[in-house]
């Protein structure tokens, strides 16, 4: 597993969705998902994704233009999965 720490600004609308599983991978659970784009200090833009409690927290607390610090992992499709996030 890899860990990354990122500092940047939220530059897209925070999209919030629910996924309702119907197969063994989700075990019939409801999963909340949040997605947004983060612009780093070096001008690179990354796709950020978070699940469940992290997704709920991001959707309630953050908006476009806020600077944040993210602790996360890089998943197998190149998105950063949030493990912890806070405002600078």
PDB file of N, CA and C in Angstrom:
ATOM      1  N   UNK A   1       0.841  -1.176   0.000  1.00  0.00           N
ATOM      2  CA  UNK A   1       0.000   0.000   0.000  1.00  0.00           C
ATOM      3  C   UNK A   1       0.888   1.242   0.000  1.00  0.00           C
ATOM      4  N   UNK A   2       0.418   2.277  -0.660  1.00  0.00           N
ATOM      5  CA  UNK A   2       1.173   3.521  -0.723  1.00  0.00           C
ATOM      6  C   UNK A   2       0.418   4.618   0.020  1.00  0.00           C
ATOM      7  N   UNK A   3       1.142   5.586   0.525  1.00  0.00           N
ATOM      8  CA  UNK A   3       0.538   6.720   1.225  1.00  0.00           C
ATOM      9  C   UNK A   3       1.050   7.990   0.566  1.00  0.00           C
ATOM     10  N   UNK A   4       0.144   8.948   0.371  1.00  0.00           N
ATOM     11  CA  UNK A   4       0.572  10.228  -0.180  1.00  0.00           C
ATOM     12  C   UNK A   4      -0.018  11.359   0.661  1.00  0.00           C
ATOM     13  N   UNK A   5       0.684  12.472   0.691  1.00  0.00           N
ATOM     14  CA  UNK A   5       0.233  13.678   1.367  1.00  0.00           C
ATOM     15  C   UNK A   5       0.212  14.795   0.340  1.00  0.00           C
ATOM     16  N   UNK A   6      -0.919  15.463   0.200  1.00  0.00           N
ATOM     17  CA  UNK A   6      -1.094  16.471  -0.834  1.00  0.00           C
ATOM     18  C   UNK A   6      -1.592  17.774  -0.233  1.00  0.00           C
ATOM     19  N   UNK A   7      -1.129  18.887  -0.785  1.00  0.00           N
ATOM     20  CA  UNK A   7      -1.624  20.212  -0.418  1.00  0.00           C
ATOM     21  C   UNK A   7      -2.112  20.857  -1.707  1.00  0.00           C
ATOM     22  N   UNK A   8      -3.341  21.360  -1.692  1.00  0.00           N
ATOM     23  CA  UNK A   8      -3.859  21.979  -2.901  1.00  0.00           C
ATOM     24  C   UNK A   8      -5.178  22.679  -2.651  1.00  0.00           C
ATOM     25  N   UNK A   9      -5.759  23.149  -3.754  1.00  0.00           N
ATOM     26  CA  UNK A   9      -7.012  23.886  -3.708  1.00  0.00           C
ATOM     27  C   UNK A   9      -8.083  23.108  -4.469  1.00  0.00           C
ATOM     28  N   UNK A  10      -9.273  23.017  -3.894  1.00  0.00           N
ATOM     29  CA  UNK A  10     -10.394  22.356  -4.552  1.00  0.00           C
ATOM     30  C   UNK A  10     -10.846  23.249  -5.706  1.00  0.00           C
ATOM     31  N   UNK A  11     -10.848  22.700  -6.933  1.00  0.00           N
ATOM     32  CA  UNK A  11     -11.176  23.531  -8.094  1.00  0.00           C
ATOM     33  C   UNK A  11     -12.425  23.069  -8.839  1.00  0.00           C
ATOM     34  N   UNK A  12     -13.114  22.078  -8.337  1.00  0.00           N
ATOM     35  CA  UNK A  12     -14.342  21.625  -8.995  1.00  0.00           C
ATOM     36  C   UNK A  12     -15.445  21.468  -7.961  1.00  0.00           C
ATOM     37  N   UNK A  13     -16.658  21.391  -8.459  1.00  0.00           N
ATOM     38  CA  UNK A  13     -17.795  21.126  -7.590  1.00  0.00           C
ATOM     39  C   UNK A  13     -17.586  19.768  -6.919  1.00  0.00           C
ATOM     40  N   UNK A  14     -17.968  19.686  -5.661  1.00  0.00           N
ATOM     41  CA  UNK A  14     -17.851  18.414  -4.946  1.00  0.00           C
ATOM     42  C   UNK A  14     -19.087  17.589  -5.268  1.00  0.00           C
ATOM     43  N   UNK A  15     -18.874  16.496  -6.000  1.00  0.00           N
ATOM     44  CA  UNK A  15     -19.972  15.627  -6.425  1.00  0.00           C
ATOM     45  C   UNK A  15     -20.185  14.539  -5.384  1.00  0.00           C
ATOM     46  N   UNK A  16     -21.437  14.377  -4.955  1.00  0.00           N
ATOM     47  CA  UNK A  16     -21.773  13.411  -3.914  1.00  0.00           C
ATOM     48  C   UNK A  16     -22.783  12.424  -4.479  1.00  0.00           C
ATOM     49  N   UNK A  17     -22.530  11.132  -4.303  1.00  0.00           N
ATOM     50  CA  UNK A  17     -23.412  10.076  -4.807  1.00  0.00           C
ATOM     51  C   UNK A  17     -23.512   8.952  -3.787  1.00  0.00           C
ATOM     52  N   UNK A  18     -24.514   8.097  -4.005  1.00  0.00           N
ATOM     53  CA  UNK A  18     -24.646   6.856  -3.250  1.00  0.00           C
ATOM     54  C   UNK A  18     -24.526   5.692  -4.209  1.00  0.00           C
ATOM     55  N   UNK A  19     -23.884   4.629  -3.767  1.00  0.00           N
ATOM     56  CA  UNK A  19     -23.809   3.385  -4.512  1.00  0.00           C
ATOM     57  C   UNK A  19     -24.468   2.331  -3.647  1.00  0.00           C
ATOM     58  N   UNK A  20     -25.437   1.642  -4.204  1.00  0.00           N
ATOM     59  CA  UNK A  20     -26.107   0.571  -3.462  1.00  0.00           C
ATOM     60  C   UNK A  20     -25.678  -0.741  -4.080  1.00  0.00           C
ATOM     61  N   UNK A  21     -24.965  -1.534  -3.299  1.00  0.00           N
ATOM     62  CA  UNK A  21     -24.407  -2.777  -3.822  1.00  0.00           C
ATOM     63  C   UNK A  21     -25.446  -3.867  -3.953  1.00  0.00           C
ATOM     64  N   UNK A  22     -25.295  -4.664  -4.989  1.00  0.00           N
ATOM     65  CA  UNK A  22     -26.186  -5.811  -5.170  1.00  0.00           C
ATOM     66  C   UNK A  22     -25.396  -7.080  -5.482  1.00  0.00           C
ATOM     67  N   UNK A  23     -24.106  -7.020  -5.223  1.00  0.00           N
ATOM     68  CA  UNK A  23     -23.291  -8.213  -5.440  1.00  0.00           C
ATOM     69  C   UNK A  23     -22.398  -8.443  -4.226  1.00  0.00           C
ATOM     70  N   UNK A  24     -21.594  -9.449  -4.285  1.00  0.00           N
ATOM     71  CA  UNK A  24     -20.771  -9.823  -3.131  1.00  0.00           C
ATOM     72  C   UNK A  24     -19.710  -8.786  -2.781  1.00  0.00           C
ATOM     73  N   UNK A  25     -19.282  -7.982  -3.755  1.00  0.00           N
ATOM     74  CA  UNK A  25     -18.225  -7.011  -3.466  1.00  0.00           C
ATOM     75  C   UNK A  25     -18.711  -5.908  -2.530  1.00  0.00           C
ATOM     76  N   UNK A  26     -19.994  -5.519  -2.629  1.00  0.00           N
ATOM     77  CA  UNK A  26     -20.533  -4.482  -1.749  1.00  0.00           C
ATOM     78  C   UNK A  26     -21.329  -5.058  -0.588  1.00  0.00           C
ATOM     79  N   UNK A  27     -21.674  -6.329  -0.632  1.00  0.00           N
ATOM     80  CA  UNK A  27     -22.415  -7.003   0.440  1.00  0.00           C
ATOM     81  C   UNK A  27     -23.713  -6.268   0.768  1.00  0.00           C
ATOM     82  N   UNK A  28     -24.394  -5.767  -0.270  1.00  0.00           N
ATOM     83  CA  UNK A  28     -25.674  -5.072  -0.132  1.00  0.00           C
ATOM     84  C   UNK A  28     -25.611  -3.851   0.774  1.00  0.00           C
ATOM     85  N   UNK A  29     -24.465  -3.216   0.853  1.00  0.00           N
ATOM     86  CA  UNK A  29     -24.301  -2.005   1.647  1.00  0.00           C
ATOM     87  C   UNK A  29     -24.567  -0.775   0.802  1.00  0.00           C
ATOM     88  N   UNK A  30     -24.933   0.318   1.481  1.00  0.00           N
ATOM     89  CA  UNK A  30     -25.019   1.621   0.845  1.00  0.00           C
ATOM     90  C   UNK A  30     -23.692   2.321   1.089  1.00  0.00           C
ATOM     91  N   UNK A  31     -23.089   2.807   0.030  1.00  0.00           N
ATOM     92  CA  UNK A  31     -21.797   3.469   0.142  1.00  0.00           C
ATOM     93  C   UNK A  31     -21.938   4.878  -0.406  1.00  0.00           C
ATOM     94  N   UNK A  32     -21.538   5.877   0.385  1.00  0.00           N
ATOM     95  CA  UNK A  32     -21.531   7.246  -0.128  1.00  0.00           C
ATOM     96  C   UNK A  32     -20.164   7.532  -0.734  1.00  0.00           C
ATOM     97  N   UNK A  33     -20.183   8.296  -1.834  1.00  0.00           N
ATOM     98  CA  UNK A  33     -18.970   8.582  -2.589  1.00  0.00           C
ATOM     99  C   UNK A  33     -18.914  10.070  -2.885  1.00  0.00           C
ATOM    100  N   UNK A  34     -17.730  10.663  -2.707  1.00  0.00           N
ATOM    101  CA  UNK A  34     -17.516  12.060  -3.066  1.00  0.00           C
ATOM    102  C   UNK A  34     -16.354  12.131  -4.049  1.00  0.00           C
ATOM    103  N   UNK A  35     -16.494  13.022  -5.046  1.00  0.00           N
ATOM    104  CA  UNK A  35     -15.430  13.205  -6.045  1.00  0.00           C
ATOM    105  C   UNK A  35     -15.220  14.687  -6.286  1.00  0.00           C
ATOM    106  N   UNK A  36     -13.949  15.074  -6.456  1.00  0.00           N
ATOM    107  CA  UNK A  36     -13.628  16.449  -6.839  1.00  0.00           C
ATOM    108  C   UNK A  36     -12.214  16.500  -7.396  1.00  0.00           C
ATOM    109  N   UNK A  37     -11.866  17.653  -7.963  1.00  0.00           N
ATOM    110  CA  UNK A  37     -10.520  17.858  -8.512  1.00  0.00           C
ATOM    111  C   UNK A  37      -9.740  18.769  -7.570  1.00  0.00           C
ATOM    112  N   UNK A  38      -8.468  18.453  -7.400  1.00  0.00           N
ATOM    113  CA  UNK A  38      -7.579  19.206  -6.532  1.00  0.00           C
ATOM    114  C   UNK A  38      -6.409  19.728  -7.363  1.00  0.00           C
ATOM    115  N   UNK A  39      -6.179  21.039  -7.295  1.00  0.00           N
ATOM    116  CA  UNK A  39      -5.051  21.650  -7.994  1.00  0.00           C
ATOM    117  C   UNK A  39      -3.917  21.807  -6.994  1.00  0.00           C
ATOM    118  N   UNK A  40      -2.783  21.167  -7.279  1.00  0.00           N
ATOM    119  CA  UNK A  40      -1.637  21.192  -6.385  1.00  0.00           C
ATOM    120  C   UNK A  40      -0.854  22.491  -6.524  1.00  0.00           C
ATOM    121  N   UNK A  41       0.082  22.707  -5.637  1.00  0.00           N
ATOM    122  CA  UNK A  41       0.909  23.911  -5.669  1.00  0.00           C
ATOM    123  C   UNK A  41       1.728  24.010  -6.956  1.00  0.00           C
ATOM    124  N   UNK A  42       2.070  22.872  -7.565  1.00  0.00           N
ATOM    125  CA  UNK A  42       2.846  22.875  -8.814  1.00  0.00           C
ATOM    126  C   UNK A  42       1.948  22.892 -10.053  1.00  0.00           C
ATOM    127  N   UNK A  43       0.670  23.225  -9.880  1.00  0.00           N
ATOM    128  CA  UNK A  43      -0.326  23.384 -10.956  1.00  0.00           C
ATOM    129  C   UNK A  43      -0.856  22.066 -11.527  1.00  0.00           C
ATOM    130  N   UNK A  44      -0.418  20.917 -11.046  1.00  0.00           N
ATOM    131  CA  UNK A  44      -1.005  19.652 -11.482  1.00  0.00           C
ATOM    132  C   UNK A  44      -2.403  19.510 -10.897  1.00  0.00           C
ATOM    133  N   UNK A  45      -3.284  18.827 -11.628  1.00  0.00           N
ATOM    134  CA  UNK A  45      -4.655  18.605 -11.175  1.00  0.00           C
ATOM    135  C   UNK A  45      -4.867  17.105 -10.995  1.00  0.00           C
ATOM    136  N   UNK A  46      -5.381  16.732  -9.827  1.00  0.00           N
ATOM    137  CA  UNK A  46      -5.607  15.325  -9.502  1.00  0.00           C
ATOM    138  C   UNK A  46      -7.083  15.064  -9.249  1.00  0.00           C
ATOM    139  N   UNK A  47      -7.522  13.853  -9.566  1.00  0.00           N
ATOM    140  CA  UNK A  47      -8.878  13.414  -9.253  1.00  0.00           C
ATOM    141  C   UNK A  47      -8.874  12.799  -7.862  1.00  0.00           C
ATOM    142  N   UNK A  48      -9.761  13.306  -7.006  1.00  0.00           N
ATOM    143  CA  UNK A  48      -9.834  12.863  -5.618  1.00  0.00           C
ATOM    144  C   UNK A  48     -11.158  12.138  -5.411  1.00  0.00           C
ATOM    145  N   UNK A  49     -11.133  11.064  -4.620  1.00  0.00           N
ATOM    146  CA  UNK A  49     -12.336  10.312  -4.313  1.00  0.00           C
ATOM    147  C   UNK A  49     -12.317   9.922  -2.835  1.00  0.00           C
ATOM    148  N   UNK A  50     -13.483   9.912  -2.213  1.00  0.00           N
ATOM    149  CA  UNK A  50     -13.586   9.503  -0.813  1.00  0.00           C
ATOM    150  C   UNK A  50     -14.867   8.711  -0.601  1.00  0.00           C
ATOM    151  N   UNK A  51     -14.876   7.870   0.401  1.00  0.00           N
ATOM    152  CA  UNK A  51     -16.007   6.984   0.655  1.00  0.00           C
ATOM    153  C   UNK A  51     -16.547   7.145   2.080  1.00  0.00           C
ATOM    154  N   UNK A  52     -17.828   6.862   2.222  1.00  0.00           N
ATOM    155  CA  UNK A  52     -18.548   6.774   3.492  1.00  0.00           C
ATOM    156  C   UNK A  52     -18.357   7.994   4.390  1.00  0.00           C
ATOM    157  N   UNK A  53     -17.795   7.841   5.582  1.00  0.00           N
ATOM    158  CA  UNK A  53     -17.689   8.962   6.520  1.00  0.00           C
ATOM    159  C   UNK A  53     -16.860  10.109   5.964  1.00  0.00           C
ATOM    160  N   UNK A  54     -15.792   9.798   5.255  1.00  0.00           N
ATOM    161  CA  UNK A  54     -14.963  10.838   4.642  1.00  0.00           C
ATOM    162  C   UNK A  54     -15.774  11.585   3.587  1.00  0.00           C
ATOM    163  N   UNK A  55     -16.556  10.855   2.798  1.00  0.00           N
ATOM    164  CA  UNK A  55     -17.398  11.483   1.769  1.00  0.00           C
ATOM    165  C   UNK A  55     -18.420  12.413   2.396  1.00  0.00           C
ATOM    166  N   UNK A  56     -19.075  11.962   3.440  1.00  0.00           N
ATOM    167  CA  UNK A  56     -20.068  12.790   4.132  1.00  0.00           C
ATOM    168  C   UNK A  56     -19.422  14.055   4.686  1.00  0.00           C
ATOM    169  N   UNK A  57     -18.254  13.917   5.306  1.00  0.00           N
ATOM    170  CA  UNK A  57     -17.542  15.051   5.886  1.00  0.00           C
ATOM    171  C   UNK A  57     -17.148  16.063   4.810  1.00  0.00           C
ATOM    172  N   UNK A  58     -16.588  15.579   3.704  1.00  0.00           N
ATOM    173  CA  UNK A  58     -16.167  16.475   2.612  1.00  0.00           C
ATOM    174  C   UNK A  58     -17.345  17.243   2.033  1.00  0.00           C
ATOM    175  N   UNK A  59     -18.443  16.549   1.815  1.00  0.00           N
ATOM    176  CA  UNK A  59     -19.612  17.191   1.212  1.00  0.00           C
ATOM    177  C   UNK A  59     -20.184  18.277   2.120  1.00  0.00           C
ATOM    178  N   UNK A  60     -20.146  18.058   3.411  1.00  0.00           N
ATOM    179  CA  UNK A  60     -20.699  19.025   4.368  1.00  0.00           C
ATOM    180  C   UNK A  60     -19.768  20.199   4.631  1.00  0.00           C
ATOM    181  N   UNK A  61     -18.462  19.990   4.624  1.00  0.00           N
ATOM    182  CA  UNK A  61     -17.521  20.995   5.123  1.00  0.00           C
ATOM    183  C   UNK A  61     -16.739  21.765   4.068  1.00  0.00           C
ATOM    184  N   UNK A  62     -16.586  21.236   2.859  1.00  0.00           N
ATOM    185  CA  UNK A  62     -15.685  21.855   1.894  1.00  0.00           C
ATOM    186  C   UNK A  62     -16.433  22.421   0.701  1.00  0.00           C
ATOM    187  N   UNK A  63     -15.800  23.401   0.040  1.00  0.00           N
ATOM    188  CA  UNK A  63     -16.377  24.003  -1.164  1.00  0.00           C
ATOM    189  C   UNK A  63     -15.242  24.410  -2.105  1.00  0.00           C
ATOM    190  N   UNK A  64     -15.611  24.809  -3.308  1.00  0.00           N
ATOM    191  CA  UNK A  64     -14.633  25.236  -4.315  1.00  0.00           C
ATOM    192  C   UNK A  64     -13.793  26.384  -3.758  1.00  0.00           C
ATOM    193  N   UNK A  65     -12.492  26.329  -4.001  1.00  0.00           N
ATOM    194  CA  UNK A  65     -11.576  27.391  -3.606  1.00  0.00           C
ATOM    195  C   UNK A  65     -10.881  27.194  -2.281  1.00  0.00           C
ATOM    196  N   UNK A  66     -11.316  26.211  -1.485  1.00  0.00           N
ATOM    197  CA  UNK A  66     -10.669  25.994  -0.188  1.00  0.00           C
ATOM    198  C   UNK A  66      -9.365  25.231  -0.355  1.00  0.00           C
ATOM    199  N   UNK A  67      -8.374  25.627   0.437  1.00  0.00           N
ATOM    200  CA  UNK A  67      -7.081  24.936   0.443  1.00  0.00           C
ATOM    201  C   UNK A  67      -7.130  23.843   1.504  1.00  0.00           C
ATOM    202  N   UNK A  68      -6.690  22.654   1.108  1.00  0.00           N
ATOM    203  CA  UNK A  68      -6.772  21.498   1.990  1.00  0.00           C
ATOM    204  C   UNK A  68      -5.474  20.699   1.979  1.00  0.00           C
ATOM    205  N   UNK A  69      -5.315  19.904   3.020  1.00  0.00           N
ATOM    206  CA  UNK A  69      -4.250  18.905   3.100  1.00  0.00           C
ATOM    207  C   UNK A  69      -4.942  17.547   3.108  1.00  0.00           C
ATOM    208  N   UNK A  70      -4.486  16.671   2.236  1.00  0.00           N
ATOM    209  CA  UNK A  70      -5.091  15.339   2.127  1.00  0.00           C
ATOM    210  C   UNK A  70      -4.037  14.279   2.405  1.00  0.00           C
ATOM    211  N   UNK A  71      -4.413  13.328   3.254  1.00  0.00           N
ATOM    212  CA  UNK A  71      -3.640  12.093   3.404  1.00  0.00           C
ATOM    213  C   UNK A  71      -4.444  11.030   2.682  1.00  0.00           C
ATOM    214  N   UNK A  72      -3.811  10.322   1.767  1.00  0.00           N
ATOM    215  CA  UNK A  72      -4.558   9.338   1.010  1.00  0.00           C
ATOM    216  C   UNK A  72      -3.676   8.264   0.428  1.00  0.00           C
ATOM    217  N   UNK A  73      -4.298   7.470  -0.432  1.00  0.00           N
ATOM    218  CA  UNK A  73      -3.590   6.421  -1.158  1.00  0.00           C
ATOM    219  C   UNK A  73      -3.940   6.534  -2.634  1.00  0.00           C
ATOM    220  N   UNK A  74      -3.015   6.139  -3.487  1.00  0.00           N
ATOM    221  CA  UNK A  74      -3.261   6.131  -4.916  1.00  0.00           C
ATOM    222  C   UNK A  74      -3.860   4.775  -5.274  1.00  0.00           C
ATOM    223  N   UNK A  75      -5.091   4.795  -5.828  1.00  0.00           N
ATOM    224  CA  UNK A  75      -5.719   3.515  -6.158  1.00  0.00           C
ATOM    225  C   UNK A  75      -5.263   3.020  -7.519  1.00  0.00           C
ATOM    226  N   UNK A  76      -5.773   1.883  -7.944  1.00  0.00           N
ATOM    227  CA  UNK A  76      -5.279   1.240  -9.166  1.00  0.00           C
ATOM    228  C   UNK A  76      -5.701   1.931 -10.455  1.00  0.00           C
ATOM    229  N   UNK A  77      -6.564   2.952 -10.395  1.00  0.00           N
ATOM    230  CA  UNK A  77      -6.934   3.701 -11.604  1.00  0.00           C
ATOM    231  C   UNK A  77      -6.382   5.123 -11.571  1.00  0.00           C
ATOM    232  N   UNK A  78      -5.462   5.391 -10.649  1.00  0.00           N
ATOM    233  CA  UNK A  78      -4.777   6.674 -10.616  1.00  0.00           C
ATOM    234  C   UNK A  78      -5.491   7.780  -9.871  1.00  0.00           C
ATOM    235  N   UNK A  79      -6.558   7.464  -9.165  1.00  0.00           N
ATOM    236  CA  UNK A  79      -7.243   8.465  -8.347  1.00  0.00           C
ATOM    237  C   UNK A  79      -6.691   8.401  -6.926  1.00  0.00           C
ATOM    238  N   UNK A  80      -6.770   9.531  -6.248  1.00  0.00           N
ATOM    239  CA  UNK A  80      -6.329   9.582  -4.855  1.00  0.00           C
ATOM    240  C   UNK A  80      -7.529   9.312  -3.965  1.00  0.00           C
ATOM    241  N   UNK A  81      -7.448   8.281  -3.152  1.00  0.00           N
ATOM    242  CA  UNK A  81      -8.516   7.944  -2.215  1.00  0.00           C
ATOM    243  C   UNK A  81      -8.203   8.577  -0.872  1.00  0.00           C
ATOM    244  N   UNK A  82      -9.109   9.428  -0.399  1.00  0.00           N
ATOM    245  CA  UNK A  82      -8.913  10.183   0.845  1.00  0.00           C
ATOM    246  C   UNK A  82      -9.002   9.259   2.051  1.00  0.00           C
ATOM    247  N   UNK A  83      -8.040   9.366   2.924  1.00  0.00           N
ATOM    248  CA  UNK A  83      -8.088   8.720   4.234  1.00  0.00           C
ATOM    249  C   UNK A  83      -8.305   9.757   5.340  1.00  0.00           C
ATOM    250  N   UNK A  84      -7.750  10.949   5.143  1.00  0.00           N
ATOM    251  CA  UNK A  84      -7.898  12.048   6.109  1.00  0.00           C
ATOM    252  C   UNK A  84      -7.769  13.360   5.345  1.00  0.00           C
ATOM    253  N   UNK A  85      -8.549  14.383   5.748  1.00  0.00           N
ATOM    254  CA  UNK A  85      -8.510  15.675   5.053  1.00  0.00           C
ATOM    255  C   UNK A  85      -8.765  16.781   6.067  1.00  0.00           C
ATOM    256  N   UNK A  86      -8.096  17.929   5.853  1.00  0.00           N
ATOM    257  CA  UNK A  86      -8.342  19.087   6.716  1.00  0.00           C
ATOM    258  C   UNK A  86      -8.041  20.380   5.965  1.00  0.00           C
ATOM    259  N   UNK A  87      -8.660  21.468   6.418  1.00  0.00           N
ATOM    260  CA  UNK A  87      -8.457  22.784   5.827  1.00  0.00           C
ATOM    261  C   UNK A  87      -7.138  23.353   6.331  1.00  0.00           C
ATOM    262  N   UNK A  88      -6.443  24.079   5.446  1.00  0.00           N
ATOM    263  CA  UNK A  88      -5.203  24.767   5.843  1.00  0.00           C
ATOM    264  C   UNK A  88      -5.580  26.079   6.485  1.00  0.00           C
TER     265      UNK A  88
END
